[in-house]
Amino acid sequence: MATRLYVNAPSNVIERLIGVPIGTTEILNQFEERTKSYDSYDQYQLRQLEPNLAKLHDFQVFGYGRLTGAAMNSIRAFAPKDAGEDFLWCGSTSDQSAIGNILEDQLGNLVHDDIVAQIDSLSWS
């Protein structure tokens, strides 16, 4: 099982990070409310008809996906001195410097400081 990276931030920040229109979270919430009686496969099929809903849903479920080696090294570098090995597989940080570095290493590109400043925390598990 892979260790995945998740972003904990207000919905408008998540929307900006993953490149979907602002307000997509509300539309996805309305969609899920309307289709809650559907089985998961039918929901999946319908969500795929709207790429932004599918993209946001997948991000909510899977985050940024499996941690890259570079992101894992950043986590190691920012880990508290008393953190055990388990911290590398299941942990979180709200340190803004760590958030910026981990995201940069995960994505392979710089995340703007104005966005990083709005992220509450990163978690991985």
Protein backbone atom coordinates (compact mmCIF):
# COMPACT_ATOMS: atom_id res chain seq x y z
CA MET A 1 0.00 0.00 0.00
CA ALA A 2 1.31 3.44 -0.95
CA THR A 3 1.66 6.43 1.33
CA ARG A 4 -0.43 9.24 -0.15
CA LEU A 5 -0.14 13.00 0.30
CA TYR A 6 -3.25 15.01 1.25
CA VAL A 7 -3.79 18.76 1.43
CA ASN A 8 -5.96 20.20 4.20
CA ALA A 9 -7.16 23.63 3.10
CA PRO A 10 -10.32 25.61 2.39
CA SER A 11 -12.16 24.43 -0.71
CA ASN A 12 -11.25 27.48 -2.81
CA VAL A 13 -7.54 26.80 -2.17
CA ILE A 14 -7.93 23.14 -3.17
CA GLU A 15 -9.75 24.24 -6.31
CA ARG A 16 -6.90 26.62 -7.23
CA LEU A 17 -4.25 23.97 -6.48
CA ILE A 18 -5.74 21.38 -8.79
CA GLY A 19 -6.96 23.78 -11.48
CA VAL A 20 -10.73 23.44 -11.34
CA PRO A 21 -13.07 26.44 -11.36
CA ILE A 22 -13.82 28.09 -8.03
CA GLY A 23 -17.17 26.73 -6.83
CA THR A 24 -16.58 23.17 -8.04
CA THR A 25 -16.66 21.88 -4.45
CA GLU A 26 -20.21 23.18 -4.00
CA ILE A 27 -21.28 21.64 -7.31
CA LEU A 28 -19.72 18.31 -6.29
CA ASN A 29 -21.51 18.45 -2.93
CA GLN A 30 -24.82 19.08 -4.69
CA PHE A 31 -24.10 16.23 -7.13
CA GLU A 32 -23.35 13.83 -4.27
CA GLU A 33 -26.53 14.87 -2.45
CA ARG A 34 -28.64 14.31 -5.59
CA THR A 35 -27.05 10.92 -6.31
CA LYS A 36 -26.64 9.52 -2.78
CA SER A 37 -29.19 6.78 -3.49
CA TYR A 38 -27.21 5.64 -6.55
CA ASP A 39 -24.67 2.85 -6.30
CA SER A 40 -21.04 3.94 -6.39
CA TYR A 41 -20.46 2.76 -9.96
CA ASP A 42 -23.40 4.81 -11.27
CA GLN A 43 -22.11 7.84 -9.37
CA TYR A 44 -18.68 7.26 -10.89
CA GLN A 45 -20.13 7.03 -14.41
CA LEU A 46 -22.10 10.25 -13.99
CA ARG A 47 -19.16 12.09 -12.41
CA GLN A 48 -16.96 11.17 -15.38
CA LEU A 49 -19.29 13.18 -17.63
CA GLU A 50 -18.02 16.33 -15.90
CA PRO A 51 -14.20 16.27 -15.80
CA ASN A 52 -13.89 18.96 -13.10
CA LEU A 53 -16.15 16.99 -10.74
CA ALA A 54 -14.18 13.82 -11.40
CA LYS A 55 -10.86 15.61 -10.87
CA LEU A 56 -11.94 17.16 -7.56
CA HIS A 57 -13.50 13.93 -6.29
CA ASP A 58 -10.37 11.95 -7.15
CA PHE A 59 -8.21 14.53 -5.38
CA GLN A 60 -10.39 14.35 -2.28
CA VAL A 61 -10.07 10.55 -2.24
CA PHE A 62 -6.49 10.03 -3.41
CA GLY A 63 -4.79 13.37 -2.68
CA TYR A 64 -1.63 13.93 -4.69
CA GLY A 65 -1.16 10.21 -4.87
CA ARG A 66 1.82 8.17 -3.84
CA LEU A 67 4.61 10.14 -2.17
CA THR A 68 7.62 10.67 -4.41
CA GLY A 69 11.08 9.88 -3.11
CA ALA A 70 11.88 13.60 -3.09
CA ALA A 71 8.77 14.40 -1.02
CA MET A 72 9.65 11.61 1.41
CA ASN A 73 13.12 13.13 1.80
CA SER A 74 11.53 16.52 2.58
CA ILE A 75 9.34 14.89 5.20
CA ARG A 76 12.44 13.29 6.72
CA ALA A 77 14.20 16.67 6.78
CA PHE A 78 11.27 18.40 8.52
CA ALA A 79 10.41 15.54 10.89
CA PRO A 80 10.62 16.45 14.57
CA LYS A 81 13.80 15.11 16.18
CA ASP A 82 11.80 12.79 18.44
CA ALA A 83 9.60 11.47 15.61
CA GLY A 84 9.88 7.76 15.04
CA GLU A 85 9.95 5.98 11.70
CA ASP A 86 6.13 5.75 11.78
CA PHE A 87 5.98 9.54 11.23
CA LEU A 88 7.26 8.99 7.69
CA TRP A 89 4.31 6.74 6.84
CA CYS A 90 1.55 8.48 8.74
CA GLY A 91 1.97 12.08 9.82
CA SER A 92 1.17 15.70 9.19
CA THR A 93 2.66 19.16 9.32
CA SER A 94 1.34 22.69 9.48
CA ASP A 95 4.81 24.25 9.11
CA GLN A 96 4.52 26.56 6.09
CA SER A 97 8.13 26.04 5.03
CA ALA A 98 7.71 22.27 5.16
CA ILE A 99 4.43 22.47 3.24
CA GLY A 100 6.06 24.46 0.44
CA ASN A 101 9.05 22.15 0.18
CA ILE A 102 7.06 18.92 0.35
CA LEU A 103 4.60 20.11 -2.31
CA GLU A 104 7.41 21.31 -4.55
CA ASP A 105 9.12 17.94 -4.25
CA GLN A 106 5.88 16.04 -4.79
CA LEU A 107 4.80 18.05 -7.82
CA GLY A 108 8.18 18.82 -9.32
CA ASN A 109 7.36 22.52 -9.52
CA LEU A 110 7.01 25.54 -7.26
CA VAL A 111 3.69 26.21 -5.56
CA HIS A 112 3.13 29.95 -5.13
CA ASP A 113 3.68 31.25 -1.61
CA ASP A 114 0.23 32.89 -1.57
CA ILE A 115 -1.35 29.45 -2.00
CA VAL A 116 0.99 27.72 0.47
CA ALA A 117 0.11 30.37 3.07
CA GLN A 118 -3.56 29.34 2.81
CA ILE A 119 -2.93 25.63 3.33
CA ASP A 120 -3.77 24.54 6.86
CA SER A 121 -1.66 21.39 6.78
CA LEU A 122 -0.40 18.45 4.78
CA SER A 123 -0.96 14.90 5.92
CA TRP A 124 0.27 11.61 4.60
CA SER A 125 -0.85 8.07 5.24
